[in-house]
Amino acid sequence: MTEQSLRKRVQVAVSAIGARLFRNNTGTAWAGDRVLRVGTNVTLYNARPFHGGLVKGGSDLIGWTPVRITAEDVGRDVAVFTAIELKIGRLKTTPDQDRFLQAVAAAGGIAAVARSPEEAVRAVEAGGGGRTSARYPP
């Protein structure tokens, strides 16, 4: 399974339980004022790096999970920030990814590493109680 196919399967699985997760690409590209194209080569003038994505180490999928606050807490739905880092096989998270997931969990969000749609669903369901977040690491 590729990370792309895992991402799509996770998005479908968590959508079925109400969460909405979006792809969060991170990386660097180059932008400039003028472009000269010769075949497949591009020359940029006044080139400057463009950093895209949420933050370095940001999870592959980010979004929200709707949570019903209990009557004693007001009785309304809220969106809980949700971050799922996808990994295939034995690949491990980077230190930047660990810091991001820890920050989300510490702030009350749902944060998890998933190697399958089932793991992602379990993390979202565990963190969707409104009072606790899915803990990272699990």
N, C-alpha and C. Protein backbone atom coordinates (compact mmCIF):
# COMPACT_ATOMS: atom_id res chain seq x y z
N MET A 1 0.85 -1.18 0.00
CA MET A 1 0.00 0.00 0.00
C MET A 1 0.90 1.24 0.00
N THR A 2 0.53 2.24 -0.76
CA THR A 2 1.26 3.50 -0.78
C THR A 2 0.68 4.46 0.24
N GLU A 3 1.44 5.50 0.57
CA GLU A 3 0.91 6.49 1.51
C GLU A 3 -0.31 7.19 0.91
N GLN A 4 -0.30 7.40 -0.41
CA GLN A 4 -1.45 8.05 -1.05
C GLN A 4 -2.71 7.19 -0.91
N SER A 5 -2.59 5.89 -1.13
CA SER A 5 -3.78 5.03 -1.00
C SER A 5 -4.22 4.94 0.46
N LEU A 6 -3.26 4.90 1.39
CA LEU A 6 -3.61 4.92 2.81
C LEU A 6 -4.33 6.22 3.16
N ARG A 7 -3.83 7.34 2.67
CA ARG A 7 -4.46 8.64 2.96
C ARG A 7 -5.91 8.65 2.51
N LYS A 8 -6.16 8.20 1.29
CA LYS A 8 -7.53 8.19 0.77
C LYS A 8 -8.44 7.27 1.59
N ARG A 9 -7.94 6.10 1.95
CA ARG A 9 -8.74 5.16 2.74
C ARG A 9 -9.03 5.71 4.13
N VAL A 10 -8.05 6.37 4.74
CA VAL A 10 -8.26 6.98 6.06
C VAL A 10 -9.29 8.09 5.95
N GLN A 11 -9.19 8.94 4.94
CA GLN A 11 -10.15 10.04 4.79
C GLN A 11 -11.57 9.51 4.65
N VAL A 12 -11.76 8.47 3.88
CA VAL A 12 -13.09 7.89 3.71
C VAL A 12 -13.58 7.29 5.03
N ALA A 13 -12.70 6.56 5.73
CA ALA A 13 -13.10 5.89 6.97
C ALA A 13 -13.49 6.88 8.05
N VAL A 14 -12.70 7.94 8.25
CA VAL A 14 -13.04 8.88 9.32
C VAL A 14 -14.22 9.76 8.93
N SER A 15 -14.43 9.97 7.64
CA SER A 15 -15.61 10.72 7.20
C SER A 15 -16.89 9.98 7.56
N ALA A 16 -16.83 8.67 7.53
CA ALA A 16 -18.01 7.86 7.86
C ALA A 16 -18.43 8.03 9.31
N ILE A 17 -17.51 8.48 10.19
CA ILE A 17 -17.88 8.71 11.59
C ILE A 17 -17.95 10.21 11.90
N GLY A 18 -17.94 11.04 10.86
CA GLY A 18 -18.18 12.47 11.04
C GLY A 18 -16.98 13.38 11.03
N ALA A 19 -15.77 12.85 11.07
CA ALA A 19 -14.58 13.71 11.05
C ALA A 19 -14.30 14.19 9.63
N ARG A 20 -13.64 15.32 9.51
CA ARG A 20 -13.25 15.86 8.21
C ARG A 20 -11.76 16.14 8.24
N LEU A 21 -11.00 15.38 7.45
CA LEU A 21 -9.56 15.55 7.41
C LEU A 21 -9.12 15.88 6.00
N PHE A 22 -8.15 16.78 5.90
CA PHE A 22 -7.67 17.27 4.62
C PHE A 22 -6.17 17.04 4.51
N ARG A 23 -5.70 16.82 3.30
CA ARG A 23 -4.28 16.63 3.05
C ARG A 23 -3.53 17.91 3.39
N ASN A 24 -2.43 17.77 4.11
CA ASN A 24 -1.61 18.91 4.50
C ASN A 24 -0.21 18.71 3.93
N ASN A 25 -0.01 19.19 2.71
CA ASN A 25 1.32 19.10 2.09
C ASN A 25 2.23 20.14 2.70
N THR A 26 3.47 19.77 2.93
CA THR A 26 4.47 20.74 3.35
C THR A 26 5.65 20.62 2.41
N GLY A 27 6.35 21.71 2.22
CA GLY A 27 7.52 21.68 1.35
C GLY A 27 7.95 23.08 0.96
N THR A 28 8.96 23.14 0.13
CA THR A 28 9.49 24.41 -0.32
C THR A 28 9.51 24.43 -1.84
N ALA A 29 9.10 25.54 -2.40
CA ALA A 29 9.17 25.78 -3.84
C ALA A 29 9.82 27.15 -4.03
N TRP A 30 9.99 27.54 -5.25
CA TRP A 30 10.61 28.83 -5.54
C TRP A 30 9.64 29.71 -6.30
N ALA A 31 9.63 30.98 -5.95
CA ALA A 31 8.79 31.98 -6.62
C ALA A 31 9.70 33.12 -7.06
N GLY A 32 9.29 33.82 -8.08
CA GLY A 32 10.08 34.94 -8.55
C GLY A 32 9.23 35.92 -9.32
N ASP A 33 9.83 37.04 -9.70
CA ASP A 33 9.08 38.09 -10.38
C ASP A 33 8.89 37.82 -11.87
N ARG A 34 9.89 37.28 -12.52
CA ARG A 34 9.80 37.01 -13.96
C ARG A 34 10.22 35.58 -14.22
N VAL A 35 9.60 34.98 -15.20
CA VAL A 35 9.90 33.60 -15.53
C VAL A 35 10.34 33.53 -16.99
N LEU A 36 11.47 32.86 -17.21
CA LEU A 36 11.96 32.58 -18.56
C LEU A 36 11.91 31.08 -18.73
N ARG A 37 11.21 30.61 -19.76
CA ARG A 37 11.10 29.18 -19.99
C ARG A 37 11.82 28.82 -21.28
N VAL A 38 12.68 27.83 -21.18
CA VAL A 38 13.37 27.27 -22.35
C VAL A 38 13.21 25.76 -22.23
N GLY A 39 12.31 25.22 -23.02
CA GLY A 39 12.01 23.79 -22.90
C GLY A 39 11.41 23.50 -21.54
N THR A 40 12.03 22.57 -20.82
CA THR A 40 11.54 22.22 -19.49
C THR A 40 12.26 22.99 -18.39
N ASN A 41 13.20 23.85 -18.76
CA ASN A 41 13.93 24.64 -17.76
C ASN A 41 13.23 25.96 -17.50
N VAL A 42 13.24 26.39 -16.26
CA VAL A 42 12.62 27.65 -15.86
C VAL A 42 13.65 28.47 -15.11
N THR A 43 13.77 29.76 -15.47
CA THR A 43 14.65 30.68 -14.76
C THR A 43 13.79 31.72 -14.07
N LEU A 44 14.02 31.89 -12.78
CA LEU A 44 13.30 32.88 -12.00
C LEU A 44 14.23 34.04 -11.67
N TYR A 45 13.73 35.26 -11.80
CA TYR A 45 14.48 36.44 -11.40
C TYR A 45 13.96 36.89 -10.04
N ASN A 46 14.84 37.42 -9.21
CA ASN A 46 14.48 37.78 -7.84
C ASN A 46 13.85 36.59 -7.12
N ALA A 47 14.49 35.45 -7.28
CA ALA A 47 13.95 34.21 -6.71
C ALA A 47 13.96 34.25 -5.19
N ARG A 48 12.93 33.66 -4.60
CA ARG A 48 12.82 33.56 -3.16
C ARG A 48 12.09 32.26 -2.83
N PRO A 49 12.45 31.63 -1.74
CA PRO A 49 11.77 30.38 -1.38
C PRO A 49 10.35 30.64 -0.91
N PHE A 50 9.47 29.72 -1.22
CA PHE A 50 8.09 29.74 -0.76
C PHE A 50 7.88 28.46 0.05
N HIS A 51 7.57 28.62 1.32
CA HIS A 51 7.35 27.47 2.20
C HIS A 51 5.85 27.23 2.30
N GLY A 52 5.42 26.05 1.92
CA GLY A 52 4.00 25.72 1.94
C GLY A 52 3.66 24.71 3.01
N GLY A 53 2.42 24.71 3.43
CA GLY A 53 1.96 23.78 4.45
C GLY A 53 1.76 24.50 5.77
N LEU A 54 1.22 23.79 6.72
CA LEU A 54 0.91 24.37 8.01
C LEU A 54 2.17 24.76 8.76
N VAL A 55 2.98 23.80 9.16
CA VAL A 55 4.26 24.02 9.84
C VAL A 55 5.15 22.82 9.54
N LYS A 56 6.44 22.99 9.73
CA LYS A 56 7.35 21.86 9.57
C LYS A 56 6.97 20.80 10.61
N GLY A 57 6.78 19.58 10.14
CA GLY A 57 6.36 18.51 11.04
C GLY A 57 4.86 18.35 11.13
N GLY A 58 4.10 19.25 10.46
CA GLY A 58 2.64 19.15 10.49
C GLY A 58 2.17 17.80 9.95
N SER A 59 1.12 17.28 10.51
CA SER A 59 0.64 15.94 10.14
C SER A 59 0.13 15.89 8.71
N ASP A 60 0.13 14.68 8.16
CA ASP A 60 -0.31 14.46 6.78
C ASP A 60 -1.78 14.85 6.60
N LEU A 61 -2.59 14.57 7.58
CA LEU A 61 -4.02 14.89 7.53
C LEU A 61 -4.37 15.76 8.72
N ILE A 62 -5.04 16.88 8.46
CA ILE A 62 -5.50 17.74 9.54
C ILE A 62 -6.94 18.14 9.27
N GLY A 63 -7.66 18.47 10.31
CA GLY A 63 -9.04 18.89 10.16
C GLY A 63 -9.71 18.94 11.51
N TRP A 64 -10.95 18.44 11.55
CA TRP A 64 -11.69 18.50 12.80
C TRP A 64 -12.57 17.27 12.97
N THR A 65 -12.92 17.05 14.23
CA THR A 65 -13.87 16.01 14.60
C THR A 65 -14.97 16.69 15.39
N PRO A 66 -16.24 16.55 14.96
CA PRO A 66 -17.32 17.16 15.73
C PRO A 66 -17.53 16.41 17.04
N VAL A 67 -17.69 17.17 18.10
CA VAL A 67 -17.88 16.58 19.43
C VAL A 67 -19.09 17.25 20.07
N ARG A 68 -19.96 16.44 20.65
CA ARG A 68 -21.12 16.97 21.37
C ARG A 68 -20.70 17.24 22.79
N ILE A 69 -20.81 18.49 23.20
CA ILE A 69 -20.52 18.86 24.58
C ILE A 69 -21.73 18.45 25.41
N THR A 70 -21.49 17.89 26.58
CA THR A 70 -22.60 17.41 27.40
C THR A 70 -23.44 18.59 27.89
N ALA A 71 -24.64 18.29 28.33
CA ALA A 71 -25.57 19.33 28.79
C ALA A 71 -24.95 20.17 29.90
N GLU A 72 -24.18 19.54 30.76
CA GLU A 72 -23.55 20.29 31.85
C GLU A 72 -22.48 21.25 31.34
N ASP A 73 -22.02 21.03 30.11
CA ASP A 73 -20.98 21.89 29.52
C ASP A 73 -21.53 22.89 28.52
N VAL A 74 -22.79 22.95 28.31
CA VAL A 74 -23.47 23.93 27.47
C VAL A 74 -24.45 23.25 26.52
N GLY A 75 -24.09 22.06 26.01
CA GLY A 75 -25.00 21.35 25.13
C GLY A 75 -24.91 21.73 23.68
N ARG A 76 -23.74 22.03 23.19
CA ARG A 76 -23.58 22.35 21.77
C ARG A 76 -22.44 21.56 21.17
N ASP A 77 -22.42 21.46 19.84
CA ASP A 77 -21.34 20.78 19.15
C ASP A 77 -20.15 21.72 18.98
N VAL A 78 -18.96 21.17 19.05
CA VAL A 78 -17.73 21.92 18.79
C VAL A 78 -16.86 21.10 17.85
N ALA A 79 -15.93 21.75 17.20
CA ALA A 79 -14.99 21.07 16.32
C ALA A 79 -13.66 20.94 17.05
N VAL A 80 -13.19 19.72 17.19
CA VAL A 80 -11.92 19.45 17.87
C VAL A 80 -10.85 19.25 16.80
N PHE A 81 -9.76 20.05 16.89
CA PHE A 81 -8.67 19.93 15.92
C PHE A 81 -8.16 18.50 15.93
N THR A 82 -7.98 17.95 14.74
CA THR A 82 -7.57 16.56 14.59
C THR A 82 -6.37 16.49 13.66
N ALA A 83 -5.31 15.77 14.07
CA ALA A 83 -4.11 15.60 13.27
C ALA A 83 -3.73 14.12 13.23
N ILE A 84 -3.64 13.57 12.05
CA ILE A 84 -3.27 12.17 11.87
C ILE A 84 -2.01 12.12 11.00
N GLU A 85 -0.96 11.55 11.53
CA GLU A 85 0.28 11.33 10.79
C GLU A 85 0.22 9.92 10.21
N LEU A 86 0.38 9.79 8.90
CA LEU A 86 0.29 8.49 8.25
C LEU A 86 1.68 7.89 8.10
N LYS A 87 1.79 6.60 8.37
CA LYS A 87 3.04 5.88 8.20
C LYS A 87 2.75 4.52 7.59
N ILE A 88 3.62 4.13 6.68
CA ILE A 88 3.52 2.82 6.04
C ILE A 88 4.57 1.91 6.66
N GLY A 89 4.17 0.70 7.02
CA GLY A 89 5.12 -0.27 7.54
C GLY A 89 5.78 0.18 8.83
N ARG A 90 7.11 0.07 8.86
CA ARG A 90 7.85 0.36 10.09
C ARG A 90 8.40 1.78 10.14
N LEU A 91 8.06 2.61 9.18
CA LEU A 91 8.55 3.99 9.19
C LEU A 91 8.18 4.67 10.50
N LYS A 92 9.07 5.52 10.99
CA LYS A 92 8.84 6.21 12.26
C LYS A 92 8.63 7.70 12.02
N THR A 93 8.03 8.34 13.00
CA THR A 93 7.84 9.80 12.93
C THR A 93 9.17 10.50 13.15
N THR A 94 9.26 11.71 12.59
CA THR A 94 10.44 12.54 12.80
C THR A 94 10.28 13.32 14.11
N PRO A 95 11.35 13.88 14.63
CA PRO A 95 11.20 14.71 15.84
C PRO A 95 10.23 15.88 15.64
N ASP A 96 10.24 16.51 14.45
CA ASP A 96 9.29 17.60 14.19
C ASP A 96 7.86 17.10 14.20
N GLN A 97 7.61 15.92 13.64
CA GLN A 97 6.26 15.35 13.65
C GLN A 97 5.84 15.00 15.08
N ASP A 98 6.77 14.46 15.86
CA ASP A 98 6.45 14.16 17.27
C ASP A 98 6.06 15.42 18.02
N ARG A 99 6.83 16.49 17.84
CA ARG A 99 6.53 17.76 18.54
C ARG A 99 5.16 18.30 18.13
N PHE A 100 4.83 18.22 16.85
CA PHE A 100 3.53 18.70 16.39
C PHE A 100 2.40 17.90 17.03
N LEU A 101 2.49 16.58 16.98
CA LEU A 101 1.45 15.73 17.55
C LEU A 101 1.33 15.93 19.06
N GLN A 102 2.45 16.07 19.75
CA GLN A 102 2.41 16.32 21.20
C GLN A 102 1.74 17.66 21.51
N ALA A 103 2.01 18.68 20.70
CA ALA A 103 1.39 19.99 20.92
C ALA A 103 -0.12 19.93 20.71
N VAL A 104 -0.56 19.22 19.68
CA VAL A 104 -2.00 19.08 19.43
C VAL A 104 -2.67 18.36 20.60
N ALA A 105 -2.09 17.25 21.04
CA ALA A 105 -2.67 16.49 22.15
C ALA A 105 -2.67 17.31 23.44
N ALA A 106 -1.59 18.03 23.70
CA ALA A 106 -1.51 18.84 24.92
C ALA A 106 -2.55 19.95 24.95
N ALA A 107 -2.95 20.43 23.77
CA ALA A 107 -3.95 21.49 23.69
C ALA A 107 -5.37 20.95 23.67
N GLY A 108 -5.53 19.62 23.78
CA GLY A 108 -6.87 19.04 23.82
C GLY A 108 -7.36 18.52 22.49
N GLY A 109 -6.51 18.54 21.47
CA GLY A 109 -6.90 18.02 20.17
C GLY A 109 -6.71 16.52 20.09
N ILE A 110 -7.07 15.98 18.95
CA ILE A 110 -6.89 14.56 18.67
C ILE A 110 -5.62 14.43 17.83
N ALA A 111 -4.67 13.63 18.29
CA ALA A 111 -3.40 13.47 17.61
C ALA A 111 -3.01 12.01 17.61
N ALA A 112 -2.66 11.48 16.44
CA ALA A 112 -2.32 10.06 16.38
C ALA A 112 -1.47 9.76 15.15
N VAL A 113 -0.79 8.63 15.22
CA VAL A 113 -0.12 8.05 14.06
C VAL A 113 -0.98 6.87 13.63
N ALA A 114 -1.24 6.77 12.33
CA ALA A 114 -2.07 5.67 11.84
C ALA A 114 -1.36 4.95 10.70
N ARG A 115 -1.42 3.64 10.76
CA ARG A 115 -0.88 2.79 9.70
C ARG A 115 -2.01 2.09 8.93
N SER A 116 -3.25 2.37 9.35
CA SER A 116 -4.41 1.78 8.69
C SER A 116 -5.62 2.68 8.94
N PRO A 117 -6.65 2.55 8.11
CA PRO A 117 -7.89 3.30 8.37
C PRO A 117 -8.48 2.95 9.73
N GLU A 118 -8.37 1.70 10.14
CA GLU A 118 -8.94 1.28 11.42
C GLU A 118 -8.24 1.99 12.60
N GLU A 119 -6.92 2.15 12.52
CA GLU A 119 -6.20 2.88 13.56
C GLU A 119 -6.65 4.33 13.63
N ALA A 120 -6.85 4.94 12.46
CA ALA A 120 -7.29 6.34 12.43
C ALA A 120 -8.68 6.48 13.04
N VAL A 121 -9.59 5.58 12.69
CA VAL A 121 -10.94 5.62 13.25
C VAL A 121 -10.91 5.44 14.76
N ARG A 122 -10.11 4.49 15.25
CA ARG A 122 -10.00 4.29 16.71
C ARG A 122 -9.50 5.55 17.41
N ALA A 123 -8.52 6.22 16.81
CA ALA A 123 -7.97 7.45 17.41
C ALA A 123 -9.02 8.54 17.45
N VAL A 124 -9.76 8.71 16.37
CA VAL A 124 -10.79 9.75 16.31
C VAL A 124 -11.90 9.43 17.31
N GLU A 125 -12.33 8.17 17.36
CA GLU A 125 -13.38 7.80 18.31
C GLU A 125 -12.91 7.96 19.75
N ALA A 126 -11.68 7.62 20.05
CA ALA A 126 -11.16 7.75 21.41
C ALA A 126 -11.06 9.21 21.82
N GLY A 127 -10.76 10.08 20.89
CA GLY A 127 -10.61 11.49 21.21
C GLY A 127 -11.88 12.28 21.06
N GLY A 128 -12.94 11.65 20.62
CA GLY A 128 -14.17 12.37 20.33
C GLY A 128 -15.14 12.50 21.48
N GLY A 129 -14.70 12.22 22.70
CA GLY A 129 -15.61 12.28 23.83
C GLY A 129 -15.83 13.67 24.38
N GLY A 130 -15.07 14.64 23.89
CA GLY A 130 -15.28 16.01 24.32
C GLY A 130 -14.51 16.40 25.56
N ARG A 131 -14.02 15.44 26.33
CA ARG A 131 -13.32 15.75 27.57
C ARG A 131 -11.85 15.35 27.51
N THR A 132 -11.52 14.41 26.64
CA THR A 132 -10.13 13.97 26.55
C THR A 132 -9.73 13.91 25.09
N SER A 133 -8.46 14.00 24.85
CA SER A 133 -7.97 13.86 23.49
C SER A 133 -7.34 12.49 23.34
N ALA A 134 -7.21 12.07 22.08
CA ALA A 134 -6.40 10.88 21.83
C ALA A 134 -4.99 11.27 22.23
N ARG A 135 -4.35 10.48 23.02
CA ARG A 135 -3.03 10.83 23.52
C ARG A 135 -1.96 10.41 22.55
N TYR A 136 -1.00 11.27 22.37
CA TYR A 136 0.15 10.94 21.56
C TYR A 136 1.38 10.98 22.44
N PRO A 137 2.19 9.96 22.45
CA PRO A 137 1.93 8.68 21.76
C PRO A 137 0.85 7.89 22.50
N PRO A 138 0.19 6.98 21.75
CA PRO A 138 -0.91 6.21 22.33
C PRO A 138 -0.46 5.35 23.50
